[in-house]
Amino acid sequence: MAELKGAERRLHERKPLRGTAQLVFPSQPPLEVRTWDISAGGIAIIASANPPPKLRCVIRFVVPLLTGGGTPVEVKVQVAHSVLSSNHGAFMVGLQFEGLSAAGEQAVARFLKGQ
């Protein structure tokens, strides 16, 4: 059976989300990262560090609102993949949400629907 690649592996629609975020690890200062895109199941970031697959940490970011401002979200995530991107000069990291709060789910859903 052929391996599914790229978008075929994705379970959720993604939408660009350009902004800043923080990865939080136990006993370390937060790592500043840039957000790239988001889906109901996770978020892609651009980071200067290369986190190992399956690493669990917390990400803090803001989901923008059409009316201005945004909803702050803090959620546990697990690293799904990390690859060095020559286009970005950093690592493209895919993070899967683990236990996104109801408010976080609503904010992400509204953003994905363009509301």
PDB file of N, CA and C in Angstrom:
ATOM      1  N   MET A   1       0.842  -1.182   0.000  1.00  0.00           N
ATOM      2  CA  MET A   1       0.000   0.000   0.000  1.00  0.00           C
ATOM      3  C   MET A   1       0.886   1.244   0.000  1.00  0.00           C
ATOM      4  N   ALA A   2       0.592   2.197  -0.840  1.00  0.00           N
ATOM      5  CA  ALA A   2       1.387   3.414  -0.941  1.00  0.00           C
ATOM      6  C   ALA A   2       1.161   4.299   0.280  1.00  0.00           C
ATOM      7  N   GLU A   3       2.216   4.975   0.686  1.00  0.00           N
ATOM      8  CA  GLU A   3       2.119   5.890   1.817  1.00  0.00           C
ATOM      9  C   GLU A   3       1.438   7.172   1.374  1.00  0.00           C
ATOM     10  N   LEU A   4       0.535   7.681   2.207  1.00  0.00           N
ATOM     11  CA  LEU A   4      -0.120   8.954   1.911  1.00  0.00           C
ATOM     12  C   LEU A   4       0.837  10.074   2.240  1.00  0.00           C
ATOM     13  N   LYS A   5       0.896  11.067   1.378  1.00  0.00           N
ATOM     14  CA  LYS A   5       1.826  12.169   1.574  1.00  0.00           C
ATOM     15  C   LYS A   5       1.104  13.499   1.588  1.00  0.00           C
ATOM     16  N   GLY A   6       1.775  14.508   2.182  1.00  0.00           N
ATOM     17  CA  GLY A   6       1.294  15.878   2.150  1.00  0.00           C
ATOM     18  C   GLY A   6      -0.127  16.038   2.635  1.00  0.00           C
ATOM     19  N   ALA A   7      -0.914  16.754   1.842  1.00  0.00           N
ATOM     20  CA  ALA A   7      -2.285  17.092   2.225  1.00  0.00           C
ATOM     21  C   ALA A   7      -3.159  15.854   2.389  1.00  0.00           C
ATOM     22  N   GLU A   8      -2.796  14.748   1.723  1.00  0.00           N
ATOM     23  CA  GLU A   8      -3.606  13.533   1.825  1.00  0.00           C
ATOM     24  C   GLU A   8      -3.608  12.968   3.242  1.00  0.00           C
ATOM     25  N   ARG A   9      -2.570  13.228   4.022  1.00  0.00           N
ATOM     26  CA  ARG A   9      -2.497  12.733   5.397  1.00  0.00           C
ATOM     27  C   ARG A   9      -3.334  13.574   6.342  1.00  0.00           C
ATOM     28  N   ARG A  10      -3.660  14.775   5.961  1.00  0.00           N
ATOM     29  CA  ARG A  10      -4.331  15.708   6.855  1.00  0.00           C
ATOM     30  C   ARG A  10      -5.786  15.341   7.060  1.00  0.00           C
ATOM     31  N   LEU A  11      -6.192  15.406   8.304  1.00  0.00           N
ATOM     32  CA  LEU A  11      -7.574  15.101   8.642  1.00  0.00           C
ATOM     33  C   LEU A  11      -8.450  16.349   8.663  1.00  0.00           C
ATOM     34  N   HIS A  12      -7.818  17.518   8.780  1.00  0.00           N
ATOM     35  CA  HIS A  12      -8.560  18.767   8.943  1.00  0.00           C
ATOM     36  C   HIS A  12      -8.085  19.807   7.937  1.00  0.00           C
ATOM     37  N   GLU A  13      -9.005  20.653   7.519  1.00  0.00           N
ATOM     38  CA  GLU A  13      -8.659  21.770   6.642  1.00  0.00           C
ATOM     39  C   GLU A  13      -7.757  22.744   7.394  1.00  0.00           C
ATOM     40  N   ARG A  14      -6.761  23.280   6.704  1.00  0.00           N
ATOM     41  CA  ARG A  14      -5.843  24.243   7.306  1.00  0.00           C
ATOM     42  C   ARG A  14      -6.082  25.628   6.740  1.00  0.00           C
ATOM     43  N   LYS A  15      -5.789  26.628   7.576  1.00  0.00           N
ATOM     44  CA  LYS A  15      -5.917  28.014   7.149  1.00  0.00           C
ATOM     45  C   LYS A  15      -4.666  28.759   7.630  1.00  0.00           C
ATOM     46  N   PRO A  16      -4.121  29.638   6.783  1.00  0.00           N
ATOM     47  CA  PRO A  16      -2.942  30.393   7.223  1.00  0.00           C
ATOM     48  C   PRO A  16      -3.224  31.172   8.509  1.00  0.00           C
ATOM     49  N   LEU A  17      -2.250  31.163   9.390  1.00  0.00           N
ATOM     50  CA  LEU A  17      -2.318  31.937  10.631  1.00  0.00           C
ATOM     51  C   LEU A  17      -0.916  32.468  10.874  1.00  0.00           C
ATOM     52  N   ARG A  18      -0.708  33.722  10.517  1.00  0.00           N
ATOM     53  CA  ARG A  18       0.617  34.325  10.652  1.00  0.00           C
ATOM     54  C   ARG A  18       0.640  35.191  11.906  1.00  0.00           C
ATOM     55  N   GLY A  19       1.508  34.842  12.806  1.00  0.00           N
ATOM     56  CA  GLY A  19       1.621  35.598  14.046  1.00  0.00           C
ATOM     57  C   GLY A  19       2.761  35.044  14.879  1.00  0.00           C
ATOM     58  N   THR A  20       2.775  35.409  16.124  1.00  0.00           N
ATOM     59  CA  THR A  20       3.798  34.916  17.042  1.00  0.00           C
ATOM     60  C   THR A  20       3.156  34.017  18.086  1.00  0.00           C
ATOM     61  N   ALA A  21       3.986  33.191  18.686  1.00  0.00           N
ATOM     62  CA  ALA A  21       3.521  32.272  19.724  1.00  0.00           C
ATOM     63  C   ALA A  21       4.700  31.936  20.616  1.00  0.00           C
ATOM     64  N   GLN A  22       4.411  31.232  21.683  1.00  0.00           N
ATOM     65  CA  GLN A  22       5.448  30.752  22.595  1.00  0.00           C
ATOM     66  C   GLN A  22       5.263  29.273  22.822  1.00  0.00           C
ATOM     67  N   LEU A  23       6.374  28.533  22.700  1.00  0.00           N
ATOM     68  CA  LEU A  23       6.386  27.135  23.125  1.00  0.00           C
ATOM     69  C   LEU A  23       6.911  27.122  24.544  1.00  0.00           C
ATOM     70  N   VAL A  24       6.233  26.407  25.405  1.00  0.00           N
ATOM     71  CA  VAL A  24       6.601  26.368  26.817  1.00  0.00           C
ATOM     72  C   VAL A  24       7.005  24.947  27.180  1.00  0.00           C
ATOM     73  N   PHE A  25       8.216  24.807  27.693  1.00  0.00           N
ATOM     74  CA  PHE A  25       8.762  23.523  28.129  1.00  0.00           C
ATOM     75  C   PHE A  25       9.000  23.583  29.625  1.00  0.00           C
ATOM     76  N   PRO A  26       8.891  22.449  30.327  1.00  0.00           N
ATOM     77  CA  PRO A  26       9.169  22.454  31.767  1.00  0.00           C
ATOM     78  C   PRO A  26      10.602  22.904  32.059  1.00  0.00           C
ATOM     79  N   SER A  27      10.763  23.736  33.051  1.00  0.00           N
ATOM     80  CA  SER A  27      12.071  24.181  33.556  1.00  0.00           C
ATOM     81  C   SER A  27      12.918  24.904  32.520  1.00  0.00           C
ATOM     82  N   GLN A  28      12.291  25.523  31.522  1.00  0.00           N
ATOM     83  CA  GLN A  28      13.028  26.294  30.521  1.00  0.00           C
ATOM     84  C   GLN A  28      12.240  27.561  30.200  1.00  0.00           C
ATOM     85  N   PRO A  29      12.940  28.596  29.760  1.00  0.00           N
ATOM     86  CA  PRO A  29      12.191  29.788  29.338  1.00  0.00           C
ATOM     87  C   PRO A  29      11.407  29.489  28.066  1.00  0.00           C
ATOM     88  N   PRO A  30      10.294  30.182  27.842  1.00  0.00           N
ATOM     89  CA  PRO A  30       9.512  29.960  26.617  1.00  0.00           C
ATOM     90  C   PRO A  30      10.343  30.249  25.372  1.00  0.00           C
ATOM     91  N   LEU A  31      10.056  29.524  24.295  1.00  0.00           N
ATOM     92  CA  LEU A  31      10.715  29.716  23.010  1.00  0.00           C
ATOM     93  C   LEU A  31       9.772  30.487  22.095  1.00  0.00           C
ATOM     94  N   GLU A  32      10.212  31.651  21.623  1.00  0.00           N
ATOM     95  CA  GLU A  32       9.410  32.445  20.694  1.00  0.00           C
ATOM     96  C   GLU A  32       9.412  31.765  19.334  1.00  0.00           C
ATOM     97  N   VAL A  33       8.234  31.604  18.738  1.00  0.00           N
ATOM     98  CA  VAL A  33       8.083  30.976  17.426  1.00  0.00           C
ATOM     99  C   VAL A  33       7.089  31.802  16.603  1.00  0.00           C
ATOM    100  N   ARG A  34       7.005  31.475  15.305  1.00  0.00           N
ATOM    101  CA  ARG A  34       6.019  32.106  14.428  1.00  0.00           C
ATOM    102  C   ARG A  34       4.987  31.047  14.034  1.00  0.00           C
ATOM    103  N   THR A  35       3.733  31.436  14.022  1.00  0.00           N
ATOM    104  CA  THR A  35       2.700  30.511  13.569  1.00  0.00           C
ATOM    105  C   THR A  35       2.640  30.564  12.053  1.00  0.00           C
ATOM    106  N   TRP A  36       2.274  29.429  11.443  1.00  0.00           N
ATOM    107  CA  TRP A  36       2.205  29.340   9.987  1.00  0.00           C
ATOM    108  C   TRP A  36       0.782  29.039   9.505  1.00  0.00           C
ATOM    109  N   ASP A  37       0.204  27.959  10.032  1.00  0.00           N
ATOM    110  CA  ASP A  37      -1.192  27.665   9.716  1.00  0.00           C
ATOM    111  C   ASP A  37      -1.812  26.873  10.856  1.00  0.00           C
ATOM    112  N   ILE A  38      -3.148  26.740  10.789  1.00  0.00           N
ATOM    113  CA  ILE A  38      -3.879  26.112  11.881  1.00  0.00           C
ATOM    114  C   ILE A  38      -5.024  25.278  11.314  1.00  0.00           C
ATOM    115  N   SER A  39      -5.394  24.247  12.054  1.00  0.00           N
ATOM    116  CA  SER A  39      -6.568  23.436  11.735  1.00  0.00           C
ATOM    117  C   SER A  39      -7.247  23.103  13.058  1.00  0.00           C
ATOM    118  N   ALA A  40      -8.357  22.386  12.979  1.00  0.00           N
ATOM    119  CA  ALA A  40      -9.056  21.976  14.199  1.00  0.00           C
ATOM    120  C   ALA A  40      -8.201  21.017  15.022  1.00  0.00           C
ATOM    121  N   GLY A  41      -7.255  20.342  14.385  1.00  0.00           N
ATOM    122  CA  GLY A  41      -6.451  19.342  15.080  1.00  0.00           C
ATOM    123  C   GLY A  41      -5.064  19.755  15.479  1.00  0.00           C
ATOM    124  N   GLY A  42      -4.596  20.925  14.991  1.00  0.00           N
ATOM    125  CA  GLY A  42      -3.237  21.315  15.336  1.00  0.00           C
ATOM    126  C   GLY A  42      -2.807  22.610  14.681  1.00  0.00           C
ATOM    127  N   ILE A  43      -1.531  22.917  14.860  1.00  0.00           N
ATOM    128  CA  ILE A  43      -0.971  24.173  14.369  1.00  0.00           C
ATOM    129  C   ILE A  43       0.438  23.917  13.852  1.00  0.00           C
ATOM    130  N   ALA A  44       0.803  24.611  12.778  1.00  0.00           N
ATOM    131  CA  ALA A  44       2.159  24.539  12.244  1.00  0.00           C
ATOM    132  C   ALA A  44       2.881  25.819  12.641  1.00  0.00           C
ATOM    133  N   ILE A  45       4.134  25.655  13.040  1.00  0.00           N
ATOM    134  CA  ILE A  45       4.931  26.798  13.465  1.00  0.00           C
ATOM    135  C   ILE A  45       6.283  26.773  12.760  1.00  0.00           C
ATOM    136  N   ILE A  46       6.955  27.913  12.816  1.00  0.00           N
ATOM    137  CA  ILE A  46       8.324  28.047  12.349  1.00  0.00           C
ATOM    138  C   ILE A  46       9.156  28.352  13.594  1.00  0.00           C
ATOM    139  N   ALA A  47      10.160  27.500  13.850  1.00  0.00           N
ATOM    140  CA  ALA A  47      10.937  27.616  15.084  1.00  0.00           C
ATOM    141  C   ALA A  47      12.435  27.551  14.799  1.00  0.00           C
ATOM    142  N   SER A  48      13.214  28.218  15.649  1.00  0.00           N
ATOM    143  CA  SER A  48      14.671  28.178  15.519  1.00  0.00           C
ATOM    144  C   SER A  48      15.243  26.864  16.051  1.00  0.00           C
ATOM    145  N   ALA A  49      14.483  26.163  16.881  1.00  0.00           N
ATOM    146  CA  ALA A  49      14.924  24.887  17.465  1.00  0.00           C
ATOM    147  C   ALA A  49      14.212  23.728  16.776  1.00  0.00           C
ATOM    148  N   ASN A  50      14.806  22.563  16.860  1.00  0.00           N
ATOM    149  CA  ASN A  50      14.256  21.356  16.234  1.00  0.00           C
ATOM    150  C   ASN A  50      13.756  20.407  17.326  1.00  0.00           C
ATOM    151  N   PRO A  51      12.488  20.519  17.718  1.00  0.00           N
ATOM    152  CA  PRO A  51      11.984  19.634  18.770  1.00  0.00           C
ATOM    153  C   PRO A  51      11.831  18.206  18.249  1.00  0.00           C
ATOM    154  N   PRO A  52      12.128  17.213  19.083  1.00  0.00           N
ATOM    155  CA  PRO A  52      12.013  15.821  18.644  1.00  0.00           C
ATOM    156  C   PRO A  52      10.553  15.383  18.495  1.00  0.00           C
ATOM    157  N   PRO A  53      10.293  14.445  17.589  1.00  0.00           N
ATOM    158  CA  PRO A  53       8.933  13.928  17.429  1.00  0.00           C
ATOM    159  C   PRO A  53       8.386  13.388  18.745  1.00  0.00           C
ATOM    160  N   LYS A  54       7.106  13.575  18.953  1.00  0.00           N
ATOM    161  CA  LYS A  54       6.349  13.105  20.113  1.00  0.00           C
ATOM    162  C   LYS A  54       6.615  13.901  21.392  1.00  0.00           C
ATOM    163  N   LEU A  55       7.503  14.914  21.320  1.00  0.00           N
ATOM    164  CA  LEU A  55       7.730  15.773  22.480  1.00  0.00           C
ATOM    165  C   LEU A  55       6.429  16.472  22.830  1.00  0.00           C
ATOM    166  N   ARG A  56       6.092  16.516  24.108  1.00  0.00           N
ATOM    167  CA  ARG A  56       4.898  17.216  24.573  1.00  0.00           C
ATOM    168  C   ARG A  56       5.317  18.521  25.237  1.00  0.00           C
ATOM    169  N   CYS A  57       4.586  19.577  24.915  1.00  0.00           N
ATOM    170  CA  CYS A  57       4.828  20.887  25.512  1.00  0.00           C
ATOM    171  C   CYS A  57       3.525  21.675  25.437  1.00  0.00           C
ATOM    172  N   VAL A  58       3.597  22.952  25.684  1.00  0.00           N
ATOM    173  CA  VAL A  58       2.428  23.828  25.641  1.00  0.00           C
ATOM    174  C   VAL A  58       2.724  24.940  24.645  1.00  0.00           C
ATOM    175  N   ILE A  59       1.711  25.331  23.886  1.00  0.00           N
ATOM    176  CA  ILE A  59       1.855  26.496  23.009  1.00  0.00           C
ATOM    177  C   ILE A  59       0.849  27.554  23.434  1.00  0.00           C
ATOM    178  N   ARG A  60       1.315  28.802  23.393  1.00  0.00           N
ATOM    179  CA  ARG A  60       0.463  29.963  23.672  1.00  0.00           C
ATOM    180  C   ARG A  60       0.425  30.814  22.411  1.00  0.00           C
ATOM    181  N   PHE A  61      -0.784  31.124  21.934  1.00  0.00           N
ATOM    182  CA  PHE A  61      -0.937  31.951  20.754  1.00  0.00           C
ATOM    183  C   PHE A  61      -2.286  32.653  20.811  1.00  0.00           C
ATOM    184  N   VAL A  62      -2.517  33.553  19.882  1.00  0.00           N
ATOM    185  CA  VAL A  62      -3.782  34.295  19.827  1.00  0.00           C
ATOM    186  C   VAL A  62      -4.476  33.978  18.513  1.00  0.00           C
ATOM    187  N   VAL A  63      -5.746  33.601  18.605  1.00  0.00           N
ATOM    188  CA  VAL A  63      -6.581  33.391  17.419  1.00  0.00           C
ATOM    189  C   VAL A  63      -7.263  34.726  17.126  1.00  0.00           C
ATOM    190  N   PRO A  64      -6.953  35.333  15.963  1.00  0.00           N
ATOM    191  CA  PRO A  64      -7.537  36.649  15.668  1.00  0.00           C
ATOM    192  C   PRO A  64      -9.045  36.585  15.420  1.00  0.00           C
ATOM    193  N   LEU A  65      -9.713  37.685  15.742  1.00  0.00           N
ATOM    194  CA  LEU A  65     -11.145  37.829  15.494  1.00  0.00           C
ATOM    195  C   LEU A  65     -11.350  38.824  14.361  1.00  0.00           C
ATOM    196  N   LEU A  66     -12.368  38.609  13.541  1.00  0.00           N
ATOM    197  CA  LEU A  66     -12.663  39.542  12.450  1.00  0.00           C
ATOM    198  C   LEU A  66     -12.966  40.941  12.965  1.00  0.00           C
ATOM    199  N   THR A  67     -13.542  41.003  14.157  1.00  0.00           N
ATOM    200  CA  THR A  67     -13.920  42.295  14.731  1.00  0.00           C
ATOM    201  C   THR A  67     -12.741  43.010  15.377  1.00  0.00           C
ATOM    202  N   GLY A  68     -11.573  42.398  15.316  1.00  0.00           N
ATOM    203  CA  GLY A  68     -10.381  42.969  15.941  1.00  0.00           C
ATOM    204  C   GLY A  68     -10.055  42.232  17.219  1.00  0.00           C
ATOM    205  N   GLY A  69      -8.851  42.390  17.667  1.00  0.00           N
ATOM    206  CA  GLY A  69      -8.414  41.682  18.865  1.00  0.00           C
ATOM    207  C   GLY A  69      -8.254  40.202  18.586  1.00  0.00           C
ATOM    208  N   GLY A  70      -8.356  39.416  19.632  1.00  0.00           N
ATOM    209  CA  GLY A  70      -8.207  37.983  19.453  1.00  0.00           C
ATOM    210  C   GLY A  70      -8.461  37.233  20.739  1.00  0.00           C
ATOM    211  N   THR A  71      -8.501  35.920  20.607  1.00  0.00           N
ATOM    212  CA  THR A  71      -8.720  35.040  21.739  1.00  0.00           C
ATOM    213  C   THR A  71      -7.410  34.346  22.087  1.00  0.00           C
ATOM    214  N   PRO A  72      -6.867  34.584  23.283  1.00  0.00           N
ATOM    215  CA  PRO A  72      -5.648  33.883  23.669  1.00  0.00           C
ATOM    216  C   PRO A  72      -5.947  32.403  23.899  1.00  0.00           C
ATOM    217  N   VAL A  73      -5.054  31.556  23.423  1.00  0.00           N
ATOM    218  CA  VAL A  73      -5.194  30.108  23.572  1.00  0.00           C
ATOM    219  C   VAL A  73      -3.906  29.555  24.153  1.00  0.00           C
ATOM    220  N   GLU A  74      -4.053  28.685  25.126  1.00  0.00           N
ATOM    221  CA  GLU A  74      -2.924  27.948  25.688  1.00  0.00           C
ATOM    222  C   GLU A  74      -3.339  26.484  25.691  1.00  0.00           C
ATOM    223  N   VAL A  75      -2.570  25.635  25.007  1.00  0.00           N
ATOM    224  CA  VAL A  75      -2.983  24.242  24.850  1.00  0.00           C
ATOM    225  C   VAL A  75      -1.764  23.327  24.846  1.00  0.00           C
ATOM    226  N   LYS A  76      -1.949  22.140  25.407  1.00  0.00           N
ATOM    227  CA  LYS A  76      -0.916  21.108  25.327  1.00  0.00           C
ATOM    228  C   LYS A  76      -0.869  20.591  23.905  1.00  0.00           C
ATOM    229  N   VAL A  77       0.359  20.357  23.419  1.00  0.00           N
ATOM    230  CA  VAL A  77       0.555  19.855  22.062  1.00  0.00           C
ATOM    231  C   VAL A  77       1.609  18.757  22.073  1.00  0.00           C
ATOM    232  N   GLN A  78       1.604  17.998  20.986  1.00  0.00           N
ATOM    233  CA  GLN A  78       2.629  16.984  20.769  1.00  0.00           C
ATOM    234  C   GLN A  78       3.233  17.240  19.391  1.00  0.00           C
ATOM    235  N   VAL A  79       4.566  17.167  19.308  1.00  0.00           N
ATOM    236  CA  VAL A  79       5.255  17.367  18.039  1.00  0.00           C
ATOM    237  C   VAL A  79       4.954  16.188  17.119  1.00  0.00           C
ATOM    238  N   ALA A  80       4.375  16.483  15.958  1.00  0.00           N
ATOM    239  CA  ALA A  80       4.081  15.447  14.965  1.00  0.00           C
ATOM    240  C   ALA A  80       5.255  15.279  14.005  1.00  0.00           C
ATOM    241  N   HIS A  81       5.867  16.403  13.627  1.00  0.00           N
ATOM    242  CA  HIS A  81       7.019  16.358  12.730  1.00  0.00           C
ATOM    243  C   HIS A  81       7.763  17.680  12.794  1.00  0.00           C
ATOM    244  N   SER A  82       9.021  17.654  12.382  1.00  0.00           N
ATOM    245  CA  SER A  82       9.839  18.847  12.322  1.00  0.00           C
ATOM    246  C   SER A  82      10.856  18.664  11.210  1.00  0.00           C
ATOM    247  N   VAL A  83      10.879  19.604  10.270  1.00  0.00           N
ATOM    248  CA  VAL A  83      11.826  19.532   9.166  1.00  0.00           C
ATOM    249  C   VAL A  83      12.484  20.895   8.959  1.00  0.00           C
ATOM    250  N   LEU A  84      13.754  20.861   8.582  1.00  0.00           N
ATOM    251  CA  LEU A  84      14.471  22.092   8.297  1.00  0.00           C
ATOM    252  C   LEU A  84      13.973  22.656   6.970  1.00  0.00           C
ATOM    253  N   SER A  85      13.568  23.906   6.969  1.00  0.00           N
ATOM    254  CA  SER A  85      13.069  24.563   5.767  1.00  0.00           C
ATOM    255  C   SER A  85      14.077  25.599   5.305  1.00  0.00           C
ATOM    256  N   SER A  86      14.655  25.381   4.123  1.00  0.00           N
ATOM    257  CA  SER A  86      15.606  26.359   3.602  1.00  0.00           C
ATOM    258  C   SER A  86      14.894  27.662   3.242  1.00  0.00           C
ATOM    259  N   ASN A  87      13.624  27.585   2.878  1.00  0.00           N
ATOM    260  CA  ASN A  87      12.860  28.798   2.553  1.00  0.00           C
ATOM    261  C   ASN A  87      12.700  29.713   3.758  1.00  0.00           C
ATOM    262  N   HIS A  88      12.572  29.129   4.939  1.00  0.00           N
ATOM    263  CA  HIS A  88      12.345  29.913   6.157  1.00  0.00           C
ATOM    264  C   HIS A  88      13.608  30.064   6.997  1.00  0.00           C
ATOM    265  N   GLY A  89      14.630  29.298   6.690  1.00  0.00           N
ATOM    266  CA  GLY A  89      15.843  29.350   7.489  1.00  0.00           C
ATOM    267  C   GLY A  89      15.600  28.904   8.917  1.00  0.00           C
ATOM    268  N   ALA A  90      14.651  28.004   9.091  1.00  0.00           N
ATOM    269  CA  ALA A  90      14.271  27.521  10.420  1.00  0.00           C
ATOM    270  C   ALA A  90      13.534  26.196  10.238  1.00  0.00           C
ATOM    271  N   PHE A  91      13.018  25.667  11.326  1.00  0.00           N
ATOM    272  CA  PHE A  91      12.314  24.397  11.290  1.00  0.00           C
ATOM    273  C   PHE A  91      10.810  24.619  11.165  1.00  0.00           C
ATOM    274  N   MET A  92      10.192  23.879  10.252  1.00  0.00           N
ATOM    275  CA  MET A  92       8.727  23.848  10.143  1.00  0.00           C
ATOM    276  C   MET A  92       8.277  22.701  11.039  1.00  0.00           C
ATOM    277  N   VAL A  93       7.475  23.031  12.035  1.00  0.00           N
ATOM    278  CA  VAL A  93       7.089  22.062  13.055  1.00  0.00           C
ATOM    279  C   VAL A  93       5.573  21.909  13.060  1.00  0.00           C
ATOM    280  N   GLY A  94       5.114  20.672  12.960  1.00  0.00           N
ATOM    281  CA  GLY A  94       3.696  20.380  13.056  1.00  0.00           C
ATOM    282  C   GLY A  94       3.362  19.927  14.461  1.00  0.00           C
ATOM    283  N   LEU A  95       2.398  20.585  15.085  1.00  0.00           N
ATOM    284  CA  LEU A  95       2.001  20.277  16.455  1.00  0.00           C
ATOM    285  C   LEU A  95       0.546  19.821  16.475  1.00  0.00           C
ATOM    286  N   GLN A  96       0.266  18.729  17.174  1.00  0.00           N
ATOM    287  CA  GLN A  96      -1.105  18.239  17.334  1.00  0.00           C
ATOM    288  C   GLN A  96      -1.641  18.709  18.677  1.00  0.00           C
ATOM    289  N   PHE A  97      -2.871  19.250  18.656  1.00  0.00           N
ATOM    290  CA  PHE A  97      -3.511  19.671  19.895  1.00  0.00           C
ATOM    291  C   PHE A  97      -3.844  18.455  20.746  1.00  0.00           C
ATOM    292  N   GLU A  98      -3.684  18.624  22.049  1.00  0.00           N
ATOM    293  CA  GLU A  98      -4.092  17.609  23.021  1.00  0.00           C
ATOM    294  C   GLU A  98      -4.910  18.294  24.099  1.00  0.00           C
ATOM    295  N   GLY A  99      -6.210  18.150  24.030  1.00  0.00           N
ATOM    296  CA  GLY A  99      -7.068  18.718  25.072  1.00  0.00           C
ATOM    297  C   GLY A  99      -7.340  20.196  24.904  1.00  0.00           C
ATOM    298  N   LEU A 100      -7.612  20.627  23.676  1.00  0.00           N
ATOM    299  CA  LEU A 100      -7.972  22.017  23.437  1.00  0.00           C
ATOM    300  C   LEU A 100      -9.258  22.323  24.205  1.00  0.00           C
ATOM    301  N   SER A 101      -9.264  23.420  24.945  1.00  0.00           N
ATOM    302  CA  SER A 101     -10.444  23.792  25.739  1.00  0.00           C
ATOM    303  C   SER A 101     -11.624  24.102  24.826  1.00  0.00           C
ATOM    304  N   ALA A 102     -12.815  24.129  25.419  1.00  0.00           N
ATOM    305  CA  ALA A 102     -14.025  24.455  24.654  1.00  0.00           C
ATOM    306  C   ALA A 102     -13.910  25.849  24.051  1.00  0.00           C
ATOM    307  N   ALA A 103     -13.399  26.806  24.817  1.00  0.00           N
ATOM    308  CA  ALA A 103     -13.233  28.172  24.308  1.00  0.00           C
ATOM    309  C   ALA A 103     -12.208  28.193  23.180  1.00  0.00           C
ATOM    310  N   GLY A 104     -11.143  27.429  23.323  1.00  0.00           N
ATOM    311  CA  GLY A 104     -10.139  27.336  22.271  1.00  0.00           C
ATOM    312  C   GLY A 104     -10.703  26.712  21.008  1.00  0.00           C
ATOM    313  N   GLU A 105     -11.473  25.642  21.168  1.00  0.00           N
ATOM    314  CA  GLU A 105     -12.111  24.993  20.013  1.00  0.00           C
ATOM    315  C   GLU A 105     -13.030  25.959  19.284  1.00  0.00           C
ATOM    316  N   GLN A 106     -13.811  26.720  20.038  1.00  0.00           N
ATOM    317  CA  GLN A 106     -14.737  27.680  19.434  1.00  0.00           C
ATOM    318  C   GLN A 106     -13.975  28.763  18.681  1.00  0.00           C
ATOM    319  N   ALA A 107     -12.897  29.270  19.285  1.00  0.00           N
ATOM    320  CA  ALA A 107     -12.111  30.325  18.638  1.00  0.00           C
ATOM    321  C   ALA A 107     -11.485  29.810  17.343  1.00  0.00           C
ATOM    322  N   VAL A 108     -10.929  28.615  17.365  1.00  0.00           N
ATOM    323  CA  VAL A 108     -10.319  28.035  16.169  1.00  0.00           C
ATOM    324  C   VAL A 108     -11.387  27.785  15.105  1.00  0.00           C
ATOM    325  N   ALA A 109     -12.544  27.240  15.497  1.00  0.00           N
ATOM    326  CA  ALA A 109     -13.626  26.966  14.548  1.00  0.00           C
ATOM    327  C   ALA A 109     -14.107  28.246  13.880  1.00  0.00           C
ATOM    328  N   ARG A 110     -14.279  29.318  14.662  1.00  0.00           N
ATOM    329  CA  ARG A 110     -14.713  30.599  14.097  1.00  0.00           C
ATOM    330  C   ARG A 110     -13.674  31.121  13.110  1.00  0.00           C
ATOM    331  N   PHE A 111     -12.408  31.010  13.470  1.00  0.00           N
ATOM    332  CA  PHE A 111     -11.334  31.490  12.590  1.00  0.00           C
ATOM    333  C   PHE A 111     -11.336  30.691  11.279  1.00  0.00           C
ATOM    334  N   LEU A 112     -11.458  29.379  11.383  1.00  0.00           N
ATOM    335  CA  LEU A 112     -11.434  28.540  10.179  1.00  0.00           C
ATOM    336  C   LEU A 112     -12.618  28.829   9.255  1.00  0.00           C
ATOM    337  N   LYS A 113     -13.751  29.215   9.842  1.00  0.00           N
ATOM    338  CA  LYS A 113     -14.944  29.537   9.055  1.00  0.00           C
ATOM    339  C   LYS A 113     -14.935  30.979   8.559  1.00  0.00           C
ATOM    340  N   GLY A 114     -13.934  31.752   8.983  1.00  0.00           N
ATOM    341  CA  GLY A 114     -13.864  33.153   8.571  1.00  0.00           C
ATOM    342  C   GLY A 114     -14.842  34.048   9.294  1.00  0.00           C
ATOM    343  N   GLN A 115     -15.181  33.696  10.529  1.00  0.00           N
ATOM    344  CA  GLN A 115     -16.151  34.481  11.302  1.00  0.00           C
ATOM    345  C   GLN A 115     -15.476  35.336  12.343  1.00  0.00           C
TER     346      GLN A 115
END
